[in-house]
Amino acid sequence: MRGRPTPAGASASMAVRGPSLVADPTTGGAGTKRDRQRAIRELAGAAAVGSQQELADLLIARGFAVTQATVSRDIAELGLVKAPRDGRHVYVLPEALSGAGAGGAGGPAAAPPPTNERLARILADIPVSVGRSGLILLLTGSPGTASVIAQAIDESSLTEQEGTLAGDNTLLVLFADERRLLAWRERFDAIRSIAIDTAAAAGRA
């Protein structure tokens, strides 16, 4: 059983209520996808953004036409992770974590920042189906892969789960409430979609 303590303020950071969002052209709004992701990096570096909804609202205020699904994909592509800041968990750039807490000479080494790289590689190689029972998601892969997928999830930026339980080819992902489950599922699907698309593009090259 792998588990993570629920951080203070996590439920607030997972909130998805807010004003309705506008259409989702990948390169529409104020500029291209590159412009949008540059704006996301600026916001993550300067603002205390605790949820995808908050980030979407800030982007809309800058003139970008986005949905929460767009923001979820951008977060996965940019590798943004959540870290505690001023009593709440907010999105930060991966490089902001890599240099944090490194300590001086003889000090404790910094823990490696969460990364989705291994999970993406696994999802590109192993077909994984997702089912649901209450507040549990059931991930099913090929025989003998459940523990590998569970470990990759634990190393990733996915933090909404309470824990994972791996069998042979089936993995249970446990959640405390509906909002965390839905947020996790959306981010997991974004990571998987990007991984599969990247692998397919590499195969055509």
C-alpha atoms as a PDB file:
ATOM      1  CA  MET A   1       0.000   0.000   0.000  1.00  0.00           C
ATOM      2  CA  ARG A   2       1.464   3.267  -1.039  1.00  0.00           C
ATOM      3  CA  GLY A   3      -0.047   6.393   0.388  1.00  0.00           C
ATOM      4  CA  ARG A   4       0.465  10.058   0.716  1.00  0.00           C
ATOM      5  CA  PRO A   5      -0.821  12.287   3.507  1.00  0.00           C
ATOM      6  CA  THR A   6      -3.377  14.782   2.327  1.00  0.00           C
ATOM      7  CA  PRO A   7      -1.669  18.200   2.539  1.00  0.00           C
ATOM      8  CA  ALA A   8      -3.344  21.099   4.237  1.00  0.00           C
ATOM      9  CA  GLY A   9      -5.367  23.120   1.749  1.00  0.00           C
ATOM     10  CA  ALA A  10      -5.355  20.316  -0.863  1.00  0.00           C
ATOM     11  CA  SER A  11      -9.142  20.257  -1.069  1.00  0.00           C
ATOM     12  CA  ALA A  12      -9.178  23.946  -1.878  1.00  0.00           C
ATOM     13  CA  SER A  13      -6.584  23.494  -4.565  1.00  0.00           C
ATOM     14  CA  MET A  14      -8.669  20.847  -6.289  1.00  0.00           C
ATOM     15  CA  ALA A  15     -11.792  23.012  -6.527  1.00  0.00           C
ATOM     16  CA  VAL A  16     -13.140  23.219 -10.052  1.00  0.00           C
ATOM     17  CA  ARG A  17     -16.080  25.544  -9.523  1.00  0.00           C
ATOM     18  CA  GLY A  18     -15.953  28.844 -11.273  1.00  0.00           C
ATOM     19  CA  PRO A  19     -17.230  30.803 -14.253  1.00  0.00           C
ATOM     20  CA  SER A  20     -17.943  28.943 -17.462  1.00  0.00           C
ATOM     21  CA  LEU A  21     -14.983  28.856 -19.789  1.00  0.00           C
ATOM     22  CA  VAL A  22     -14.973  29.646 -23.482  1.00  0.00           C
ATOM     23  CA  ALA A  23     -14.119  27.456 -26.443  1.00  0.00           C
ATOM     24  CA  ASP A  24     -10.855  25.602 -26.689  1.00  0.00           C
ATOM     25  CA  PRO A  25      -8.961  26.334 -29.917  1.00  0.00           C
ATOM     26  CA  THR A  26      -5.463  25.006 -29.416  1.00  0.00           C
ATOM     27  CA  THR A  27      -3.838  28.055 -30.880  1.00  0.00           C
ATOM     28  CA  GLY A  28      -6.636  30.592 -30.477  1.00  0.00           C
ATOM     29  CA  GLY A  29      -7.181  33.516 -28.151  1.00  0.00           C
ATOM     30  CA  ALA A  30      -4.344  35.900 -27.490  1.00  0.00           C
ATOM     31  CA  GLY A  31      -1.761  33.841 -29.372  1.00  0.00           C
ATOM     32  CA  THR A  32      -0.331  30.465 -30.161  1.00  0.00           C
ATOM     33  CA  LYS A  33       0.094  27.474 -27.917  1.00  0.00           C
ATOM     34  CA  ARG A  34       3.673  28.608 -27.340  1.00  0.00           C
ATOM     35  CA  ASP A  35       2.422  32.043 -26.218  1.00  0.00           C
ATOM     36  CA  ARG A  36      -0.087  30.419 -23.882  1.00  0.00           C
ATOM     37  CA  GLN A  37       2.471  28.104 -22.309  1.00  0.00           C
ATOM     38  CA  ARG A  38       4.914  31.002 -21.910  1.00  0.00           C
ATOM     39  CA  ALA A  39       2.158  32.862 -20.030  1.00  0.00           C
ATOM     40  CA  ILE A  40       1.549  29.798 -17.838  1.00  0.00           C
ATOM     41  CA  ARG A  41       5.239  29.653 -16.940  1.00  0.00           C
ATOM     42  CA  GLU A  42       5.149  33.354 -16.017  1.00  0.00           C
ATOM     43  CA  LEU A  43       2.047  32.884 -13.868  1.00  0.00           C
ATOM     44  CA  ALA A  44       3.452  29.807 -12.135  1.00  0.00           C
ATOM     45  CA  GLY A  45       6.622  31.713 -11.354  1.00  0.00           C
ATOM     46  CA  ALA A  46       4.927  34.856 -10.072  1.00  0.00           C
ATOM     47  CA  ALA A  47       1.439  33.979  -8.810  1.00  0.00           C
ATOM     48  CA  ALA A  48       0.174  31.586  -6.149  1.00  0.00           C
ATOM     49  CA  VAL A  49      -1.983  29.486  -8.474  1.00  0.00           C
ATOM     50  CA  GLY A  50      -3.555  26.634  -6.536  1.00  0.00           C
ATOM     51  CA  SER A  51      -5.907  25.060  -9.083  1.00  0.00           C
ATOM     52  CA  GLN A  52      -6.446  24.558 -12.793  1.00  0.00           C
ATOM     53  CA  GLN A  53      -9.552  26.768 -12.569  1.00  0.00           C
ATOM     54  CA  GLU A  54      -7.528  29.642 -11.104  1.00  0.00           C
ATOM     55  CA  LEU A  55      -4.960  29.281 -13.868  1.00  0.00           C
ATOM     56  CA  ALA A  56      -7.676  29.179 -16.543  1.00  0.00           C
ATOM     57  CA  ASP A  57      -9.241  32.367 -15.133  1.00  0.00           C
ATOM     58  CA  LEU A  58      -5.872  34.154 -15.172  1.00  0.00           C
ATOM     59  CA  LEU A  59      -5.268  33.098 -18.773  1.00  0.00           C
ATOM     60  CA  ILE A  60      -8.734  34.252 -19.806  1.00  0.00           C
ATOM     61  CA  ALA A  61      -7.990  37.613 -18.155  1.00  0.00           C
ATOM     62  CA  ARG A  62      -4.942  37.833 -20.435  1.00  0.00           C
ATOM     63  CA  GLY A  63      -7.104  37.188 -23.486  1.00  0.00           C
ATOM     64  CA  PHE A  64      -6.476  33.472 -24.070  1.00  0.00           C
ATOM     65  CA  ALA A  65      -9.417  31.266 -25.033  1.00  0.00           C
ATOM     66  CA  VAL A  66      -8.990  28.153 -22.876  1.00  0.00           C
ATOM     67  CA  THR A  67     -10.887  25.404 -21.119  1.00  0.00           C
ATOM     68  CA  GLN A  68      -9.782  23.508 -18.044  1.00  0.00           C
ATOM     69  CA  ALA A  69      -8.895  20.574 -20.335  1.00  0.00           C
ATOM     70  CA  THR A  70      -6.485  22.850 -22.232  1.00  0.00           C
ATOM     71  CA  VAL A  71      -4.901  23.967 -18.977  1.00  0.00           C
ATOM     72  CA  SER A  72      -4.608  20.355 -17.778  1.00  0.00           C
ATOM     73  CA  ARG A  73      -2.717  19.362 -20.954  1.00  0.00           C
ATOM     74  CA  ASP A  74      -0.427  22.388 -20.682  1.00  0.00           C
ATOM     75  CA  ILE A  75       0.368  21.605 -17.036  1.00  0.00           C
ATOM     76  CA  ALA A  76       1.315  18.047 -18.008  1.00  0.00           C
ATOM     77  CA  GLU A  77       3.443  19.187 -20.967  1.00  0.00           C
ATOM     78  CA  LEU A  78       5.262  21.839 -18.939  1.00  0.00           C
ATOM     79  CA  GLY A  79       5.822  19.455 -16.026  1.00  0.00           C
ATOM     80  CA  LEU A  80       4.340  21.822 -13.439  1.00  0.00           C
ATOM     81  CA  VAL A  81       4.104  20.293  -9.974  1.00  0.00           C
ATOM     82  CA  LYS A  82       2.399  21.296  -6.758  1.00  0.00           C
ATOM     83  CA  ALA A  83       4.445  22.411  -3.772  1.00  0.00           C
ATOM     84  CA  PRO A  84       3.605  24.018  -0.415  1.00  0.00           C
ATOM     85  CA  ARG A  85       3.801  27.815  -0.461  1.00  0.00           C
ATOM     86  CA  ASP A  86       2.469  30.078   2.315  1.00  0.00           C
ATOM     87  CA  GLY A  87       0.177  27.462   3.796  1.00  0.00           C
ATOM     88  CA  ARG A  88      -1.311  26.115   0.554  1.00  0.00           C
ATOM     89  CA  HIS A  89      -0.221  23.964  -2.369  1.00  0.00           C
ATOM     90  CA  VAL A  90       0.369  25.843  -5.612  1.00  0.00           C
ATOM     91  CA  TYR A  91       1.736  25.050  -9.063  1.00  0.00           C
ATOM     92  CA  VAL A  92       5.450  25.700  -9.452  1.00  0.00           C
ATOM     93  CA  LEU A  93       7.977  25.214 -12.228  1.00  0.00           C
ATOM     94  CA  PRO A  94      10.031  22.008 -11.960  1.00  0.00           C
ATOM     95  CA  GLU A  95      13.268  23.980 -11.904  1.00  0.00           C
ATOM     96  CA  ALA A  96      11.986  25.883  -8.849  1.00  0.00           C
ATOM     97  CA  LEU A  97      11.920  22.601  -6.944  1.00  0.00           C
ATOM     98  CA  SER A  98      15.217  21.242  -8.230  1.00  0.00           C
ATOM     99  CA  GLY A  99      17.144  24.022  -6.506  1.00  0.00           C
ATOM    100  CA  ALA A 100      15.019  24.259  -3.380  1.00  0.00           C
ATOM    101  CA  GLY A 101      16.281  22.829  -0.148  1.00  0.00           C
ATOM    102  CA  ALA A 102      19.590  21.724  -1.613  1.00  0.00           C
ATOM    103  CA  GLY A 103      21.376  22.699   1.586  1.00  0.00           C
ATOM    104  CA  GLY A 104      24.929  23.870   1.986  1.00  0.00           C
ATOM    105  CA  ALA A 105      28.056  21.810   2.227  1.00  0.00           C
ATOM    106  CA  GLY A 106      27.325  18.747   4.296  1.00  0.00           C
ATOM    107  CA  GLY A 107      23.607  19.570   4.321  1.00  0.00           C
ATOM    108  CA  PRO A 108      20.905  17.089   3.378  1.00  0.00           C
ATOM    109  CA  ALA A 109      20.490  16.490  -0.332  1.00  0.00           C
ATOM    110  CA  ALA A 110      17.292  17.765  -1.872  1.00  0.00           C
ATOM    111  CA  ALA A 111      14.687  15.172  -2.783  1.00  0.00           C
ATOM    112  CA  PRO A 112      14.311  14.849  -6.544  1.00  0.00           C
ATOM    113  CA  PRO A 113      11.286  16.766  -7.855  1.00  0.00           C
ATOM    114  CA  PRO A 114       8.307  14.746  -9.088  1.00  0.00           C
ATOM    115  CA  THR A 115       8.488  13.922 -12.778  1.00  0.00           C
ATOM    116  CA  ASN A 116       5.969  12.462 -15.216  1.00  0.00           C
ATOM    117  CA  GLU A 117       8.666  11.169 -17.556  1.00  0.00           C
ATOM    118  CA  ARG A 118       8.671   7.552 -16.375  1.00  0.00           C
ATOM    119  CA  LEU A 119       4.882   7.376 -16.190  1.00  0.00           C
ATOM    120  CA  ALA A 120       4.603   8.788 -19.714  1.00  0.00           C
ATOM    121  CA  ARG A 121       7.063   6.200 -21.062  1.00  0.00           C
ATOM    122  CA  ILE A 122       5.117   3.372 -19.422  1.00  0.00           C
ATOM    123  CA  LEU A 123       1.745   4.622 -20.670  1.00  0.00           C
ATOM    124  CA  ALA A 124       3.144   4.899 -24.196  1.00  0.00           C
ATOM    125  CA  ASP A 125       4.240   1.241 -24.074  1.00  0.00           C
ATOM    126  CA  ILE A 126       1.506  -0.447 -22.012  1.00  0.00           C
ATOM    127  CA  PRO A 127      -2.199  -0.228 -22.913  1.00  0.00           C
ATOM    128  CA  VAL A 128      -4.020   0.763 -19.716  1.00  0.00           C
ATOM    129  CA  SER A 129      -7.787   0.760 -19.282  1.00  0.00           C
ATOM    130  CA  VAL A 130      -9.437   2.775 -16.505  1.00  0.00           C
ATOM    131  CA  GLY A 131     -12.589   1.778 -14.639  1.00  0.00           C
ATOM    132  CA  ARG A 132     -14.262   3.136 -11.541  1.00  0.00           C
ATOM    133  CA  SER A 133     -15.969   1.852  -8.407  1.00  0.00           C
ATOM    134  CA  GLY A 134     -17.055   4.574  -6.000  1.00  0.00           C
ATOM    135  CA  LEU A 135     -13.972   6.587  -5.005  1.00  0.00           C
ATOM    136  CA  ILE A 136     -11.610   3.998  -6.468  1.00  0.00           C
ATOM    137  CA  LEU A 137     -10.163   3.966  -9.981  1.00  0.00           C
ATOM    138  CA  LEU A 138      -9.181   0.569 -11.388  1.00  0.00           C
ATOM    139  CA  LEU A 139      -6.251   0.675 -13.809  1.00  0.00           C
ATOM    140  CA  THR A 140      -5.729  -2.533 -15.780  1.00  0.00           C
ATOM    141  CA  GLY A 141      -2.624  -3.207 -17.841  1.00  0.00           C
ATOM    142  CA  SER A 142      -0.888  -6.287 -19.187  1.00  0.00           C
ATOM    143  CA  PRO A 143       0.111  -9.132 -16.820  1.00  0.00           C
ATOM    144  CA  GLY A 144       2.780  -8.206 -14.278  1.00  0.00           C
ATOM    145  CA  THR A 145       2.683  -4.447 -14.915  1.00  0.00           C
ATOM    146  CA  ALA A 146       0.555  -3.132 -12.018  1.00  0.00           C
ATOM    147  CA  SER A 147       3.418  -2.562  -9.574  1.00  0.00           C
ATOM    148  CA  VAL A 148       5.470  -0.793 -12.257  1.00  0.00           C
ATOM    149  CA  ILE A 149       2.597   1.572 -13.037  1.00  0.00           C
ATOM    150  CA  ALA A 150       1.980   2.176  -9.313  1.00  0.00           C
ATOM    151  CA  GLN A 151       5.616   3.122  -8.730  1.00  0.00           C
ATOM    152  CA  ALA A 152       5.585   5.495 -11.701  1.00  0.00           C
ATOM    153  CA  ILE A 153       2.425   7.153 -10.354  1.00  0.00           C
ATOM    154  CA  ASP A 154       4.062   7.601  -6.941  1.00  0.00           C
ATOM    155  CA  GLU A 155       7.054   9.287  -8.622  1.00  0.00           C
ATOM    156  CA  SER A 156       4.869  11.548 -10.765  1.00  0.00           C
ATOM    157  CA  SER A 157       3.260  14.932 -10.137  1.00  0.00           C
ATOM    158  CA  LEU A 158      -0.088  13.216  -9.502  1.00  0.00           C
ATOM    159  CA  THR A 159      -0.807  13.879  -5.825  1.00  0.00           C
ATOM    160  CA  GLU A 160      -4.588  13.829  -5.444  1.00  0.00           C
ATOM    161  CA  GLN A 161      -4.718  10.112  -4.596  1.00  0.00           C
ATOM    162  CA  GLU A 162      -4.716   8.768  -1.045  1.00  0.00           C
ATOM    163  CA  GLY A 163      -2.728   5.726  -2.110  1.00  0.00           C
ATOM    164  CA  THR A 164      -2.341   2.876  -4.591  1.00  0.00           C
ATOM    165  CA  LEU A 165      -2.685  -0.885  -4.251  1.00  0.00           C
ATOM    166  CA  ALA A 166      -1.141  -3.096  -6.938  1.00  0.00           C
ATOM    167  CA  GLY A 167      -1.943  -6.675  -7.830  1.00  0.00           C
ATOM    168  CA  ASP A 168      -0.645  -8.458 -10.926  1.00  0.00           C
ATOM    169  CA  ASN A 169      -2.237  -6.541 -13.783  1.00  0.00           C
ATOM    170  CA  THR A 170      -4.746  -4.428 -11.827  1.00  0.00           C
ATOM    171  CA  LEU A 171      -3.995  -1.317  -9.791  1.00  0.00           C
ATOM    172  CA  LEU A 172      -6.397   0.388  -7.382  1.00  0.00           C
ATOM    173  CA  VAL A 173      -6.034   4.152  -6.931  1.00  0.00           C
ATOM    174  CA  LEU A 174      -7.853   5.425  -3.829  1.00  0.00           C
ATOM    175  CA  PHE A 175      -9.353   8.891  -3.298  1.00  0.00           C
ATOM    176  CA  ALA A 176     -10.861  10.812  -0.402  1.00  0.00           C
ATOM    177  CA  ASP A 177     -13.525  12.622  -2.425  1.00  0.00           C
ATOM    178  CA  GLU A 178     -15.042  13.109  -5.866  1.00  0.00           C
ATOM    179  CA  ARG A 179     -13.186  16.310  -6.702  1.00  0.00           C
ATOM    180  CA  ARG A 180      -9.776  14.764  -6.158  1.00  0.00           C
ATOM    181  CA  LEU A 181     -10.737  11.707  -8.206  1.00  0.00           C
ATOM    182  CA  LEU A 182     -11.938  13.781 -11.153  1.00  0.00           C
ATOM    183  CA  ALA A 183      -8.905  16.079 -11.048  1.00  0.00           C
ATOM    184  CA  TRP A 184      -6.545  13.082 -10.933  1.00  0.00           C
ATOM    185  CA  ARG A 185      -8.338  11.330 -13.788  1.00  0.00           C
ATOM    186  CA  GLU A 186      -8.168  14.424 -15.974  1.00  0.00           C
ATOM    187  CA  ARG A 187      -4.441  14.873 -15.367  1.00  0.00           C
ATOM    188  CA  PHE A 188      -3.723  11.155 -15.844  1.00  0.00           C
ATOM    189  CA  ASP A 189      -5.612  11.156 -19.156  1.00  0.00           C
ATOM    190  CA  ALA A 190      -3.648  14.229 -20.274  1.00  0.00           C
ATOM    191  CA  ILE A 191      -0.308  12.577 -19.484  1.00  0.00           C
ATOM    192  CA  ARG A 192      -1.387   9.385 -21.281  1.00  0.00           C
ATOM    193  CA  SER A 193      -2.688  11.257 -24.331  1.00  0.00           C
ATOM    194  CA  ILE A 194       0.539  13.245 -24.701  1.00  0.00           C
ATOM    195  CA  ALA A 195       2.643  10.087 -24.261  1.00  0.00           C
ATOM    196  CA  ILE A 196       0.702   8.148 -26.904  1.00  0.00           C
ATOM    197  CA  ASP A 197       0.722  11.055 -29.372  1.00  0.00           C
ATOM    198  CA  THR A 198       4.483  11.556 -28.873  1.00  0.00           C
ATOM    199  CA  ALA A 199       5.175   7.853 -29.414  1.00  0.00           C
ATOM    200  CA  ALA A 200       3.021   7.806 -32.542  1.00  0.00           C
ATOM    201  CA  ALA A 201       4.799  10.858 -33.953  1.00  0.00           C
ATOM    202  CA  ALA A 202       8.183   9.258 -33.252  1.00  0.00           C
ATOM    203  CA  GLY A 203       7.049   6.096 -35.044  1.00  0.00           C
ATOM    204  CA  ARG A 204       6.107   8.087 -38.141  1.00  0.00           C
ATOM    205  CA  ALA A 205       9.427   9.942 -38.210  1.00  0.00           C
END
